[in-house]
Amino acid sequence: MSARRWMLGLERAWDAARLRRAGSRVPADFRIKSYGGHGSAEGVVVRGRVVDDPPPSEAAEGEGLGAAVRRTIGHFVTDELPGVPLRITVGDAAVETVTDDEGYFVVRLRPDPEALEAPWTRGAVEMAGEYRGLVGDYRAPVEIRVPAGDAQFGVISDIDDTILETGVQRVWRMVRQTLTGSALTRTPFPGAPELYRDLAAGVNPVFYISSSPWNLHAFLDAFVRHRDFPRGPLLLRDLLGGADGRESKTGRIDEVLALHPGLRFVLLGDSGEHDPETYADTVRRHPGRILAVYIREVRLDPHDGRVERVWSTMGDEVPLVLVADSEAVRRHATGLGLL
């Protein structure tokens, strides 16, 4: 049995024991966490989670190490609520659903396109019935990214080691930074916020698609805002990936391309994990939709040949560029007329 399957089984056993202990207890800190959504005339996708946890604290300038560690641990030690009845409303469309075993929900809606306002449309998710004796008006706002008609292209970007210095290939360093850092102390790569703002040009949508877990959504959203990156949907995954692979990065990219068929895209990632393979596959499966692919070089061994082998099978229709820094992306993108 693989380590991932073993961890997934352990997580399910823990969840089952937790639910048995909770029984029918009324949730003390019922909270709907909206992960936002995106869409167009093709439809809208909205995601979120329901938990029985108090809201996490916000990072503060000069806070101690202990406060940062407690906040990060709190993101992962969650009391998720399965089977919660919910109603999601966007424009003139509404749909009802229930949360899954991990407390997550994802819905698709088809509101009247006239009801979708660019760049952001507001919707709502609310409890749609009694849950473990809990009744009342429990709701959370939802922000839907809707590209304007004058958008020239879209941007799909990884996060870890693409805009945020993480060191994924140095596991213990990554764990230490994740535990002890905050949205105020973690640093972007030099020039990255400015580059992304120029690519967005105030109108082009940016989608952040990452293998980071949904547990870090609040932290990553705060990081994007604090470092002045263009706001955009954060499409992450379940901590252990889910048994059916529904949280795959490829699936998220396909979803974005399907819901925004009028846009071509620029892809940005890094060489540390699987972005080269994922993006090359995207280029093959979506001919004509990708304008350029930029991969930030972060490998411990830049000469291992992995990226080069992946790209050696690709044609030259789409530029596939391995870059050292944000300035290299800027130069190349300028030459393509993207900036």
C-alpha atoms as a PDB file:
ATOM      1  CA  MET A   1       0.000   0.000   0.000  1.00  0.00           C
ATOM      2  CA  SER A   2       1.351   3.433  -0.939  1.00  0.00           C
ATOM      3  CA  ALA A   3       2.038   6.061   1.712  1.00  0.00           C
ATOM      4  CA  ARG A   4      -0.736   8.247   0.291  1.00  0.00           C
ATOM      5  CA  ARG A   5      -3.346   5.456   0.453  1.00  0.00           C
ATOM      6  CA  TRP A   6      -2.222   4.614   3.986  1.00  0.00           C
ATOM      7  CA  MET A   7      -2.589   8.248   5.063  1.00  0.00           C
ATOM      8  CA  LEU A   8      -5.972   8.482   3.340  1.00  0.00           C
ATOM      9  CA  GLY A   9      -7.162   5.394   5.216  1.00  0.00           C
ATOM     10  CA  LEU A  10      -5.836   6.802   8.493  1.00  0.00           C
ATOM     11  CA  GLU A  11      -7.622  10.092   7.858  1.00  0.00           C
ATOM     12  CA  ARG A  12     -10.907   8.314   7.186  1.00  0.00           C
ATOM     13  CA  ALA A  13     -10.577   6.225  10.344  1.00  0.00           C
ATOM     14  CA  TRP A  14      -9.888   9.368  12.371  1.00  0.00           C
ATOM     15  CA  ASP A  15     -12.875  11.144  10.799  1.00  0.00           C
ATOM     16  CA  ALA A  16     -15.159   8.194  11.532  1.00  0.00           C
ATOM     17  CA  ALA A  17     -14.046   8.121  15.185  1.00  0.00           C
ATOM     18  CA  ARG A  18     -14.495  11.890  15.453  1.00  0.00           C
ATOM     19  CA  LEU A  19     -18.017  11.699  14.047  1.00  0.00           C
ATOM     20  CA  ARG A  20     -18.938   8.911  16.457  1.00  0.00           C
ATOM     21  CA  ARG A  21     -17.754  11.062  19.357  1.00  0.00           C
ATOM     22  CA  ALA A  22     -19.650  14.083  18.059  1.00  0.00           C
ATOM     23  CA  GLY A  23     -22.867  12.114  17.570  1.00  0.00           C
ATOM     24  CA  SER A  24     -25.762  14.516  17.205  1.00  0.00           C
ATOM     25  CA  ARG A  25     -24.091  17.288  19.208  1.00  0.00           C
ATOM     26  CA  VAL A  26     -25.115  20.760  18.076  1.00  0.00           C
ATOM     27  CA  PRO A  27     -22.078  22.411  16.423  1.00  0.00           C
ATOM     28  CA  ALA A  28     -20.668  25.135  18.666  1.00  0.00           C
ATOM     29  CA  ASP A  29     -18.740  27.033  15.975  1.00  0.00           C
ATOM     30  CA  PHE A  30     -20.664  26.299  12.778  1.00  0.00           C
ATOM     31  CA  ARG A  31     -18.975  28.123   9.937  1.00  0.00           C
ATOM     32  CA  ILE A  32     -19.375  28.160   6.143  1.00  0.00           C
ATOM     33  CA  LYS A  33     -16.043  28.763   4.427  1.00  0.00           C
ATOM     34  CA  SER A  34     -16.460  30.083   0.899  1.00  0.00           C
ATOM     35  CA  TYR A  35     -13.626  29.409  -1.526  1.00  0.00           C
ATOM     36  CA  GLY A  36     -15.284  31.612  -4.139  1.00  0.00           C
ATOM     37  CA  GLY A  37     -15.821  30.689  -7.744  1.00  0.00           C
ATOM     38  CA  HIS A  38     -15.487  31.660 -11.378  1.00  0.00           C
ATOM     39  CA  GLY A  39     -17.533  31.486 -14.501  1.00  0.00           C
ATOM     40  CA  SER A  40     -19.004  32.981 -17.647  1.00  0.00           C
ATOM     41  CA  ALA A  41     -22.010  32.492 -19.890  1.00  0.00           C
ATOM     42  CA  GLU A  42     -20.913  28.825 -19.975  1.00  0.00           C
ATOM     43  CA  GLY A  43     -21.738  28.447 -16.284  1.00  0.00           C
ATOM     44  CA  VAL A  44     -20.379  29.078 -12.797  1.00  0.00           C
ATOM     45  CA  VAL A  45     -18.510  26.814 -10.352  1.00  0.00           C
ATOM     46  CA  VAL A  46     -18.574  27.551  -6.604  1.00  0.00           C
ATOM     47  CA  ARG A  47     -16.618  25.736  -3.883  1.00  0.00           C
ATOM     48  CA  GLY A  48     -16.376  25.819  -0.125  1.00  0.00           C
ATOM     49  CA  ARG A  49     -16.379  23.855   3.096  1.00  0.00           C
ATOM     50  CA  VAL A  50     -18.402  23.709   6.302  1.00  0.00           C
ATOM     51  CA  VAL A  51     -16.611  23.255   9.619  1.00  0.00           C
ATOM     52  CA  ASP A  52     -17.232  23.432  13.345  1.00  0.00           C
ATOM     53  CA  ASP A  53     -14.254  25.660  14.097  1.00  0.00           C
ATOM     54  CA  PRO A  54     -13.867  29.264  15.253  1.00  0.00           C
ATOM     55  CA  PRO A  55     -12.437  31.679  12.652  1.00  0.00           C
ATOM     56  CA  PRO A  56      -8.614  31.680  12.567  1.00  0.00           C
ATOM     57  CA  SER A  57      -6.726  34.678  13.864  1.00  0.00           C
ATOM     58  CA  GLU A  58      -5.276  37.152  11.386  1.00  0.00           C
ATOM     59  CA  ALA A  59      -1.536  37.689  11.094  1.00  0.00           C
ATOM     60  CA  ALA A  60      -0.224  40.767  12.868  1.00  0.00           C
ATOM     61  CA  GLU A  61       2.998  42.705  12.449  1.00  0.00           C
ATOM     62  CA  GLY A  62       5.572  41.698  15.040  1.00  0.00           C
ATOM     63  CA  GLU A  63       3.637  38.714  16.357  1.00  0.00           C
ATOM     64  CA  GLY A  64       5.617  35.963  18.048  1.00  0.00           C
ATOM     65  CA  LEU A  65       6.604  32.612  16.587  1.00  0.00           C
ATOM     66  CA  GLY A  66       4.090  30.804  18.777  1.00  0.00           C
ATOM     67  CA  ALA A  67       1.155  32.753  17.352  1.00  0.00           C
ATOM     68  CA  ALA A  68       2.171  31.906  13.788  1.00  0.00           C
ATOM     69  CA  VAL A  69       2.622  28.201  14.580  1.00  0.00           C
ATOM     70  CA  ARG A  70      -0.726  27.985  16.394  1.00  0.00           C
ATOM     71  CA  ARG A  71      -2.506  29.656  13.488  1.00  0.00           C
ATOM     72  CA  THR A  72      -0.952  27.286  10.922  1.00  0.00           C
ATOM     73  CA  ILE A  73      -1.756  24.181  12.974  1.00  0.00           C
ATOM     74  CA  GLY A  74      -5.300  25.491  13.338  1.00  0.00           C
ATOM     75  CA  HIS A  75      -5.655  25.494   9.553  1.00  0.00           C
ATOM     76  CA  PHE A  76      -5.042  21.729   9.513  1.00  0.00           C
ATOM     77  CA  VAL A  77      -6.762  20.575  12.710  1.00  0.00           C
ATOM     78  CA  THR A  78     -10.336  20.990  11.498  1.00  0.00           C
ATOM     79  CA  ASP A  79     -13.697  19.621  12.586  1.00  0.00           C
ATOM     80  CA  GLU A  80     -15.382  19.307   9.204  1.00  0.00           C
ATOM     81  CA  LEU A  81     -19.130  18.739   8.976  1.00  0.00           C
ATOM     82  CA  PRO A  82     -20.538  16.188   6.485  1.00  0.00           C
ATOM     83  CA  GLY A  83     -24.113  16.109   5.270  1.00  0.00           C
ATOM     84  CA  VAL A  84     -24.889  19.805   5.806  1.00  0.00           C
ATOM     85  CA  PRO A  85     -27.785  20.968   3.567  1.00  0.00           C
ATOM     86  CA  LEU A  86     -26.821  24.091   1.627  1.00  0.00           C
ATOM     87  CA  ARG A  87     -28.294  26.443  -0.931  1.00  0.00           C
ATOM     88  CA  ILE A  88     -25.971  28.370  -3.264  1.00  0.00           C
ATOM     89  CA  THR A  89     -27.325  31.372  -5.147  1.00  0.00           C
ATOM     90  CA  VAL A  90     -25.669  33.330  -7.963  1.00  0.00           C
ATOM     91  CA  GLY A  91     -27.759  35.839  -9.880  1.00  0.00           C
ATOM     92  CA  ASP A  92     -31.080  34.263 -10.785  1.00  0.00           C
ATOM     93  CA  ALA A  93     -29.788  30.689 -10.315  1.00  0.00           C
ATOM     94  CA  ALA A  94     -29.862  28.598  -7.148  1.00  0.00           C
ATOM     95  CA  VAL A  95     -28.909  25.008  -6.422  1.00  0.00           C
ATOM     96  CA  GLU A  96     -29.064  22.851  -3.306  1.00  0.00           C
ATOM     97  CA  THR A  97     -26.439  20.355  -2.198  1.00  0.00           C
ATOM     98  CA  VAL A  98     -25.018  18.665   0.898  1.00  0.00           C
ATOM     99  CA  THR A  99     -21.414  18.620   2.065  1.00  0.00           C
ATOM    100  CA  ASP A 100     -19.365  15.476   1.470  1.00  0.00           C
ATOM    101  CA  ASP A 101     -17.537  13.343   4.046  1.00  0.00           C
ATOM    102  CA  GLU A 102     -14.820  15.983   4.383  1.00  0.00           C
ATOM    103  CA  GLY A 103     -17.241  18.901   4.659  1.00  0.00           C
ATOM    104  CA  TYR A 104     -16.569  20.128   1.109  1.00  0.00           C
ATOM    105  CA  PHE A 105     -19.095  21.214  -1.478  1.00  0.00           C
ATOM    106  CA  VAL A 106     -18.777  22.076  -5.159  1.00  0.00           C
ATOM    107  CA  VAL A 107     -21.691  23.098  -7.380  1.00  0.00           C
ATOM    108  CA  ARG A 108     -22.291  24.242 -10.936  1.00  0.00           C
ATOM    109  CA  LEU A 109     -24.922  26.836 -11.775  1.00  0.00           C
ATOM    110  CA  ARG A 110     -26.236  28.366 -14.999  1.00  0.00           C
ATOM    111  CA  PRO A 111     -27.365  31.914 -14.135  1.00  0.00           C
ATOM    112  CA  ASP A 112     -28.592  34.286 -16.820  1.00  0.00           C
ATOM    113  CA  PRO A 113     -25.407  35.741 -18.364  1.00  0.00           C
ATOM    114  CA  GLU A 114     -26.945  39.201 -17.910  1.00  0.00           C
ATOM    115  CA  ALA A 115     -26.807  38.619 -14.152  1.00  0.00           C
ATOM    116  CA  LEU A 116     -23.016  38.139 -14.208  1.00  0.00           C
ATOM    117  CA  GLU A 117     -21.131  41.347 -13.599  1.00  0.00           C
ATOM    118  CA  ALA A 118     -17.429  41.673 -14.436  1.00  0.00           C
ATOM    119  CA  PRO A 119     -14.948  41.499 -12.843  1.00  0.00           C
ATOM    120  CA  TRP A 120     -16.696  40.115  -9.743  1.00  0.00           C
ATOM    121  CA  THR A 121     -20.251  38.919  -9.167  1.00  0.00           C
ATOM    122  CA  ARG A 122     -21.462  38.370  -5.627  1.00  0.00           C
ATOM    123  CA  GLY A 123     -23.494  35.360  -4.585  1.00  0.00           C
ATOM    124  CA  ALA A 124     -24.261  33.570  -1.344  1.00  0.00           C
ATOM    125  CA  VAL A 125     -24.161  30.133   0.268  1.00  0.00           C
ATOM    126  CA  GLU A 126     -26.534  29.451   3.148  1.00  0.00           C
ATOM    127  CA  MET A 127     -27.691  26.580   5.316  1.00  0.00           C
ATOM    128  CA  ALA A 128     -30.829  25.183   3.695  1.00  0.00           C
ATOM    129  CA  GLY A 129     -32.309  23.232   6.594  1.00  0.00           C
ATOM    130  CA  GLU A 130     -31.874  21.936  10.130  1.00  0.00           C
ATOM    131  CA  TYR A 131     -28.537  20.293  10.938  1.00  0.00           C
ATOM    132  CA  ARG A 132     -27.947  18.409  14.217  1.00  0.00           C
ATOM    133  CA  GLY A 133     -30.474  20.612  15.928  1.00  0.00           C
ATOM    134  CA  LEU A 134     -28.921  23.786  14.517  1.00  0.00           C
ATOM    135  CA  VAL A 135     -31.345  26.198  12.838  1.00  0.00           C
ATOM    136  CA  GLY A 136     -31.031  29.797  11.814  1.00  0.00           C
ATOM    137  CA  ASP A 137     -29.691  32.127   9.176  1.00  0.00           C
ATOM    138  CA  TYR A 138     -26.162  30.839   8.541  1.00  0.00           C
ATOM    139  CA  ARG A 139     -24.652  32.166   5.337  1.00  0.00           C
ATOM    140  CA  ALA A 140     -21.445  33.344   3.711  1.00  0.00           C
ATOM    141  CA  PRO A 141     -20.845  35.607   0.709  1.00  0.00           C
ATOM    142  CA  VAL A 142     -19.372  34.189  -2.491  1.00  0.00           C
ATOM    143  CA  GLU A 143     -17.264  36.141  -4.974  1.00  0.00           C
ATOM    144  CA  ILE A 144     -17.343  34.908  -8.578  1.00  0.00           C
ATOM    145  CA  ARG A 145     -14.588  35.953 -11.001  1.00  0.00           C
ATOM    146  CA  VAL A 146     -16.185  36.892 -14.318  1.00  0.00           C
ATOM    147  CA  PRO A 147     -13.778  38.056 -17.060  1.00  0.00           C
ATOM    148  CA  ALA A 148     -14.820  41.171 -18.946  1.00  0.00           C
ATOM    149  CA  GLY A 149     -15.407  41.087 -22.676  1.00  0.00           C
ATOM    150  CA  ASP A 150     -12.247  43.108 -23.353  1.00  0.00           C
ATOM    151  CA  ALA A 151      -9.909  40.610 -21.639  1.00  0.00           C
ATOM    152  CA  GLN A 152      -7.112  39.736 -24.071  1.00  0.00           C
ATOM    153  CA  PHE A 153      -6.075  36.454 -22.433  1.00  0.00           C
ATOM    154  CA  GLY A 154      -6.079  34.644 -19.106  1.00  0.00           C
ATOM    155  CA  VAL A 155      -3.251  33.626 -16.775  1.00  0.00           C
ATOM    156  CA  ILE A 156      -3.039  30.265 -14.996  1.00  0.00           C
ATOM    157  CA  SER A 157      -0.323  30.156 -12.352  1.00  0.00           C
ATOM    158  CA  ASP A 158       1.022  27.734  -9.814  1.00  0.00           C
ATOM    159  CA  ILE A 159       1.789  29.179  -6.360  1.00  0.00           C
ATOM    160  CA  ASP A 160       4.531  27.303  -4.470  1.00  0.00           C
ATOM    161  CA  ASP A 161       7.957  28.083  -5.918  1.00  0.00           C
ATOM    162  CA  THR A 162       6.291  30.027  -8.744  1.00  0.00           C
ATOM    163  CA  ILE A 163       5.181  33.188  -6.955  1.00  0.00           C
ATOM    164  CA  LEU A 164       5.830  32.181  -3.327  1.00  0.00           C
ATOM    165  CA  GLU A 165       9.283  31.066  -2.216  1.00  0.00           C
ATOM    166  CA  THR A 166       8.591  27.653  -0.655  1.00  0.00           C
ATOM    167  CA  GLY A 167      11.443  25.234  -1.358  1.00  0.00           C
ATOM    168  CA  VAL A 168       9.218  22.231  -2.049  1.00  0.00           C
ATOM    169  CA  GLN A 169      12.248  20.083  -2.886  1.00  0.00           C
ATOM    170  CA  ARG A 170      13.707  20.819   0.555  1.00  0.00           C
ATOM    171  CA  VAL A 171      10.997  19.157   2.601  1.00  0.00           C
ATOM    172  CA  TRP A 172      12.008  20.187   6.112  1.00  0.00           C
ATOM    173  CA  ARG A 173      12.659  23.757   5.024  1.00  0.00           C
ATOM    174  CA  MET A 174       9.218  23.841   3.420  1.00  0.00           C
ATOM    175  CA  VAL A 175       7.576  22.461   6.575  1.00  0.00           C
ATOM    176  CA  ARG A 176       9.415  24.982   8.755  1.00  0.00           C
ATOM    177  CA  GLN A 177       8.413  27.912   6.557  1.00  0.00           C
ATOM    178  CA  THR A 178       4.799  26.747   6.412  1.00  0.00           C
ATOM    179  CA  LEU A 179       4.575  26.352  10.189  1.00  0.00           C
ATOM    180  CA  THR A 180       6.349  29.531  11.233  1.00  0.00           C
ATOM    181  CA  GLY A 181       5.468  31.987   8.459  1.00  0.00           C
ATOM    182  CA  SER A 182       2.434  34.177   7.863  1.00  0.00           C
ATOM    183  CA  ALA A 183       0.910  36.162   5.022  1.00  0.00           C
ATOM    184  CA  LEU A 184       2.905  39.139   6.283  1.00  0.00           C
ATOM    185  CA  THR A 185       6.304  37.438   6.562  1.00  0.00           C
ATOM    186  CA  ARG A 186       6.368  35.031   3.595  1.00  0.00           C
ATOM    187  CA  THR A 187       8.059  36.560   0.564  1.00  0.00           C
ATOM    188  CA  PRO A 188       7.252  36.461  -3.160  1.00  0.00           C
ATOM    189  CA  PHE A 189       9.945  36.008  -5.764  1.00  0.00           C
ATOM    190  CA  PRO A 190      11.497  39.355  -6.730  1.00  0.00           C
ATOM    191  CA  GLY A 191       9.505  41.110  -9.429  1.00  0.00           C
ATOM    192  CA  ALA A 192       6.650  38.592  -9.379  1.00  0.00           C
ATOM    193  CA  PRO A 193       3.855  40.915  -8.119  1.00  0.00           C
ATOM    194  CA  GLU A 194       4.761  43.564 -10.689  1.00  0.00           C
ATOM    195  CA  LEU A 195       4.947  40.997 -13.498  1.00  0.00           C
ATOM    196  CA  TYR A 196       1.538  39.537 -12.662  1.00  0.00           C
ATOM    197  CA  ARG A 197      -0.068  42.962 -12.402  1.00  0.00           C
ATOM    198  CA  ASP A 198       1.310  43.831 -15.838  1.00  0.00           C
ATOM    199  CA  LEU A 199       0.082  40.545 -17.322  1.00  0.00           C
ATOM    200  CA  ALA A 200      -3.352  41.159 -15.815  1.00  0.00           C
ATOM    201  CA  ALA A 201      -3.341  44.753 -17.129  1.00  0.00           C
ATOM    202  CA  GLY A 202      -6.358  45.477 -14.963  1.00  0.00           C
ATOM    203  CA  VAL A 203      -8.647  43.243 -17.047  1.00  0.00           C
ATOM    204  CA  ASN A 204      -7.048  39.851 -17.837  1.00  0.00           C
ATOM    205  CA  PRO A 205      -8.153  37.216 -15.284  1.00  0.00           C
ATOM    206  CA  VAL A 206      -5.587  35.346 -13.177  1.00  0.00           C
ATOM    207  CA  PHE A 207      -6.318  31.846 -11.827  1.00  0.00           C
ATOM    208  CA  TYR A 208      -4.062  30.409  -9.127  1.00  0.00           C
ATOM    209  CA  ILE A 209      -4.106  26.595  -9.451  1.00  0.00           C
ATOM    210  CA  SER A 210      -1.982  24.794  -6.894  1.00  0.00           C
ATOM    211  CA  SER A 211      -1.381  21.452  -5.231  1.00  0.00           C
ATOM    212  CA  SER A 212      -1.482  23.241  -1.884  1.00  0.00           C
ATOM    213  CA  PRO A 213      -4.322  21.976   0.352  1.00  0.00           C
ATOM    214  CA  TRP A 214      -7.573  23.861   0.872  1.00  0.00           C
ATOM    215  CA  ASN A 215      -6.492  24.212   4.521  1.00  0.00           C
ATOM    216  CA  LEU A 216      -4.158  27.001   3.358  1.00  0.00           C
ATOM    217  CA  HIS A 217      -6.777  28.920   1.375  1.00  0.00           C
ATOM    218  CA  ALA A 218      -7.099  31.721   3.942  1.00  0.00           C
ATOM    219  CA  PHE A 219      -3.314  32.089   4.203  1.00  0.00           C
ATOM    220  CA  LEU A 220      -2.759  32.129   0.427  1.00  0.00           C
ATOM    221  CA  ASP A 221      -5.614  34.564  -0.159  1.00  0.00           C
ATOM    222  CA  ALA A 222      -4.136  36.890   2.460  1.00  0.00           C
ATOM    223  CA  PHE A 223      -0.664  36.523   0.887  1.00  0.00           C
ATOM    224  CA  VAL A 224      -1.967  37.437  -2.594  1.00  0.00           C
ATOM    225  CA  ARG A 225      -3.742  40.490  -1.199  1.00  0.00           C
ATOM    226  CA  HIS A 226      -0.887  41.622   1.052  1.00  0.00           C
ATOM    227  CA  ARG A 227       1.748  41.307  -1.684  1.00  0.00           C
ATOM    228  CA  ASP A 228      -0.506  43.078  -4.199  1.00  0.00           C
ATOM    229  CA  PHE A 229      -0.821  40.270  -6.739  1.00  0.00           C
ATOM    230  CA  PRO A 230      -3.924  40.464  -8.953  1.00  0.00           C
ATOM    231  CA  ARG A 231      -6.856  38.881  -7.164  1.00  0.00           C
ATOM    232  CA  GLY A 232      -8.179  35.691  -8.666  1.00  0.00           C
ATOM    233  CA  PRO A 233      -9.734  32.333  -7.767  1.00  0.00           C
ATOM    234  CA  LEU A 234      -7.536  30.018  -5.705  1.00  0.00           C
ATOM    235  CA  LEU A 235      -8.139  26.459  -6.905  1.00  0.00           C
ATOM    236  CA  LEU A 236      -6.438  24.068  -4.495  1.00  0.00           C
ATOM    237  CA  ARG A 237      -6.966  20.412  -3.487  1.00  0.00           C
ATOM    238  CA  ASP A 238      -7.916  18.185  -0.590  1.00  0.00           C
ATOM    239  CA  LEU A 239      -5.014  17.590   1.803  1.00  0.00           C
ATOM    240  CA  LEU A 240      -4.588  13.958   0.728  1.00  0.00           C
ATOM    241  CA  GLY A 241      -5.906  14.371  -2.797  1.00  0.00           C
ATOM    242  CA  GLY A 242      -9.158  12.450  -2.409  1.00  0.00           C
ATOM    243  CA  ALA A 243      -9.682   8.835  -3.391  1.00  0.00           C
ATOM    244  CA  ASP A 244     -11.106   9.668  -6.800  1.00  0.00           C
ATOM    245  CA  GLY A 245      -8.458  12.223  -7.781  1.00  0.00           C
ATOM    246  CA  ARG A 246     -11.100  14.943  -8.116  1.00  0.00           C
ATOM    247  CA  GLU A 247      -8.653  17.529  -6.842  1.00  0.00           C
ATOM    248  CA  SER A 248      -6.115  17.028  -9.611  1.00  0.00           C
ATOM    249  CA  LYS A 249      -4.377  20.048 -11.093  1.00  0.00           C
ATOM    250  CA  THR A 250      -5.177  18.857 -14.606  1.00  0.00           C
ATOM    251  CA  GLY A 251      -8.868  18.785 -13.772  1.00  0.00           C
ATOM    252  CA  ARG A 252      -8.731  22.344 -12.446  1.00  0.00           C
ATOM    253  CA  ILE A 253      -7.001  23.598 -15.590  1.00  0.00           C
ATOM    254  CA  ASP A 254      -9.549  21.816 -17.796  1.00  0.00           C
ATOM    255  CA  GLU A 255     -12.345  23.427 -15.789  1.00  0.00           C
ATOM    256  CA  VAL A 256     -10.942  26.929 -16.304  1.00  0.00           C
ATOM    257  CA  LEU A 257     -10.478  26.417 -20.044  1.00  0.00           C
ATOM    258  CA  ALA A 258     -13.986  24.968 -20.397  1.00  0.00           C
ATOM    259  CA  LEU A 259     -15.711  27.808 -18.527  1.00  0.00           C
ATOM    260  CA  HIS A 260     -13.802  30.497 -20.421  1.00  0.00           C
ATOM    261  CA  PRO A 261     -13.754  29.250 -24.028  1.00  0.00           C
ATOM    262  CA  GLY A 262     -13.229  32.699 -25.499  1.00  0.00           C
ATOM    263  CA  LEU A 263      -9.846  33.148 -23.815  1.00  0.00           C
ATOM    264  CA  ARG A 264      -6.400  31.843 -24.621  1.00  0.00           C
ATOM    265  CA  PHE A 265      -4.036  31.381 -21.686  1.00  0.00           C
ATOM    266  CA  VAL A 266      -0.494  31.906 -20.443  1.00  0.00           C
ATOM    267  CA  LEU A 267       0.704  29.164 -18.046  1.00  0.00           C
ATOM    268  CA  LEU A 268       3.284  29.812 -15.311  1.00  0.00           C
ATOM    269  CA  GLY A 269       4.814  27.187 -13.042  1.00  0.00           C
ATOM    270  CA  ASP A 270       8.088  25.830 -11.723  1.00  0.00           C
ATOM    271  CA  SER A 271      10.436  22.920 -12.353  1.00  0.00           C
ATOM    272  CA  GLY A 272      10.340  21.572  -8.799  1.00  0.00           C
ATOM    273  CA  GLU A 273       7.517  19.087  -9.222  1.00  0.00           C
ATOM    274  CA  HIS A 274       5.135  18.255 -12.085  1.00  0.00           C
ATOM    275  CA  ASP A 275       4.273  21.561 -13.741  1.00  0.00           C
ATOM    276  CA  PRO A 276       6.310  20.837 -16.903  1.00  0.00           C
ATOM    277  CA  GLU A 277       4.496  17.528 -17.463  1.00  0.00           C
ATOM    278  CA  THR A 278       1.076  18.968 -16.560  1.00  0.00           C
ATOM    279  CA  TYR A 279       1.447  21.994 -18.801  1.00  0.00           C
ATOM    280  CA  ALA A 280       2.860  20.004 -21.735  1.00  0.00           C
ATOM    281  CA  ASP A 281      -0.166  17.723 -21.462  1.00  0.00           C
ATOM    282  CA  THR A 282      -2.442  20.778 -21.415  1.00  0.00           C
ATOM    283  CA  VAL A 283      -0.846  22.110 -24.600  1.00  0.00           C
ATOM    284  CA  ARG A 284      -1.391  18.754 -26.327  1.00  0.00           C
ATOM    285  CA  ARG A 285      -5.000  18.353 -25.228  1.00  0.00           C
ATOM    286  CA  HIS A 286      -6.067  21.939 -25.873  1.00  0.00           C
ATOM    287  CA  PRO A 287      -4.563  22.936 -29.232  1.00  0.00           C
ATOM    288  CA  GLY A 288      -4.751  26.626 -29.964  1.00  0.00           C
ATOM    289  CA  ARG A 289      -5.661  27.620 -26.399  1.00  0.00           C
ATOM    290  CA  ILE A 290      -2.187  28.186 -24.896  1.00  0.00           C
ATOM    291  CA  LEU A 291      -0.138  31.254 -25.826  1.00  0.00           C
ATOM    292  CA  ALA A 292       3.029  30.472 -23.847  1.00  0.00           C
ATOM    293  CA  VAL A 293       4.351  28.338 -20.995  1.00  0.00           C
ATOM    294  CA  TYR A 294       6.881  29.715 -18.499  1.00  0.00           C
ATOM    295  CA  ILE A 295       8.634  27.432 -16.001  1.00  0.00           C
ATOM    296  CA  ARG A 296      10.712  28.951 -13.200  1.00  0.00           C
ATOM    297  CA  GLU A 297      13.920  26.964 -12.654  1.00  0.00           C
ATOM    298  CA  VAL A 298      14.062  25.799  -9.012  1.00  0.00           C
ATOM    299  CA  ARG A 299      15.500  22.278  -9.320  1.00  0.00           C
ATOM    300  CA  LEU A 300      18.239  21.246  -6.920  1.00  0.00           C
ATOM    301  CA  ASP A 301      19.923  19.712  -9.970  1.00  0.00           C
ATOM    302  CA  PRO A 302      19.128  21.891 -13.009  1.00  0.00           C
ATOM    303  CA  HIS A 303      20.958  19.415 -15.229  1.00  0.00           C
ATOM    304  CA  ASP A 304      18.834  16.352 -14.462  1.00  0.00           C
ATOM    305  CA  GLY A 305      17.235  16.643 -17.902  1.00  0.00           C
ATOM    306  CA  ARG A 306      13.669  16.063 -16.716  1.00  0.00           C
ATOM    307  CA  VAL A 307      12.162  19.259 -18.108  1.00  0.00           C
ATOM    308  CA  GLU A 308      14.102  18.960 -21.333  1.00  0.00           C
ATOM    309  CA  ARG A 309      12.893  15.366 -21.880  1.00  0.00           C
ATOM    310  CA  VAL A 310       9.277  16.408 -21.380  1.00  0.00           C
ATOM    311  CA  TRP A 311       9.524  19.268 -23.817  1.00  0.00           C
ATOM    312  CA  SER A 312      11.581  17.442 -26.418  1.00  0.00           C
ATOM    313  CA  THR A 313       8.381  15.725 -27.585  1.00  0.00           C
ATOM    314  CA  MET A 314       6.553  19.024 -28.106  1.00  0.00           C
ATOM    315  CA  GLY A 315       6.453  21.005 -31.299  1.00  0.00           C
ATOM    316  CA  ASP A 316       7.362  24.658 -31.592  1.00  0.00           C
ATOM    317  CA  GLU A 317       3.831  26.004 -32.009  1.00  0.00           C
ATOM    318  CA  VAL A 318       3.679  27.125 -28.353  1.00  0.00           C
ATOM    319  CA  PRO A 319       6.716  28.740 -26.688  1.00  0.00           C
ATOM    320  CA  LEU A 320       7.864  26.569 -23.756  1.00  0.00           C
ATOM    321  CA  VAL A 321      10.389  28.649 -21.829  1.00  0.00           C
ATOM    322  CA  LEU A 322      12.538  27.705 -18.851  1.00  0.00           C
ATOM    323  CA  VAL A 323      13.315  30.942 -16.982  1.00  0.00           C
ATOM    324  CA  ALA A 324      15.645  31.984 -14.173  1.00  0.00           C
ATOM    325  CA  ASP A 325      13.542  34.828 -12.798  1.00  0.00           C
ATOM    326  CA  SER A 326      10.572  37.122 -13.300  1.00  0.00           C
ATOM    327  CA  GLU A 327      12.578  39.474 -15.506  1.00  0.00           C
ATOM    328  CA  ALA A 328      13.204  36.677 -18.007  1.00  0.00           C
ATOM    329  CA  VAL A 329       9.443  36.081 -18.244  1.00  0.00           C
ATOM    330  CA  ARG A 330       8.907  39.807 -18.750  1.00  0.00           C
ATOM    331  CA  ARG A 331      11.407  40.016 -21.597  1.00  0.00           C
ATOM    332  CA  HIS A 332       9.971  37.043 -23.441  1.00  0.00           C
ATOM    333  CA  ALA A 333       6.342  38.044 -22.881  1.00  0.00           C
ATOM    334  CA  THR A 334       7.096  41.516 -24.144  1.00  0.00           C
ATOM    335  CA  GLY A 335       8.531  40.006 -27.318  1.00  0.00           C
ATOM    336  CA  LEU A 336       5.267  38.080 -27.820  1.00  0.00           C
ATOM    337  CA  GLY A 337       3.211  41.241 -27.351  1.00  0.00           C
ATOM    338  CA  LEU A 338       1.666  40.011 -24.096  1.00  0.00           C
ATOM    339  CA  LEU A 339       2.982  43.040 -22.191  1.00  0.00           C
END
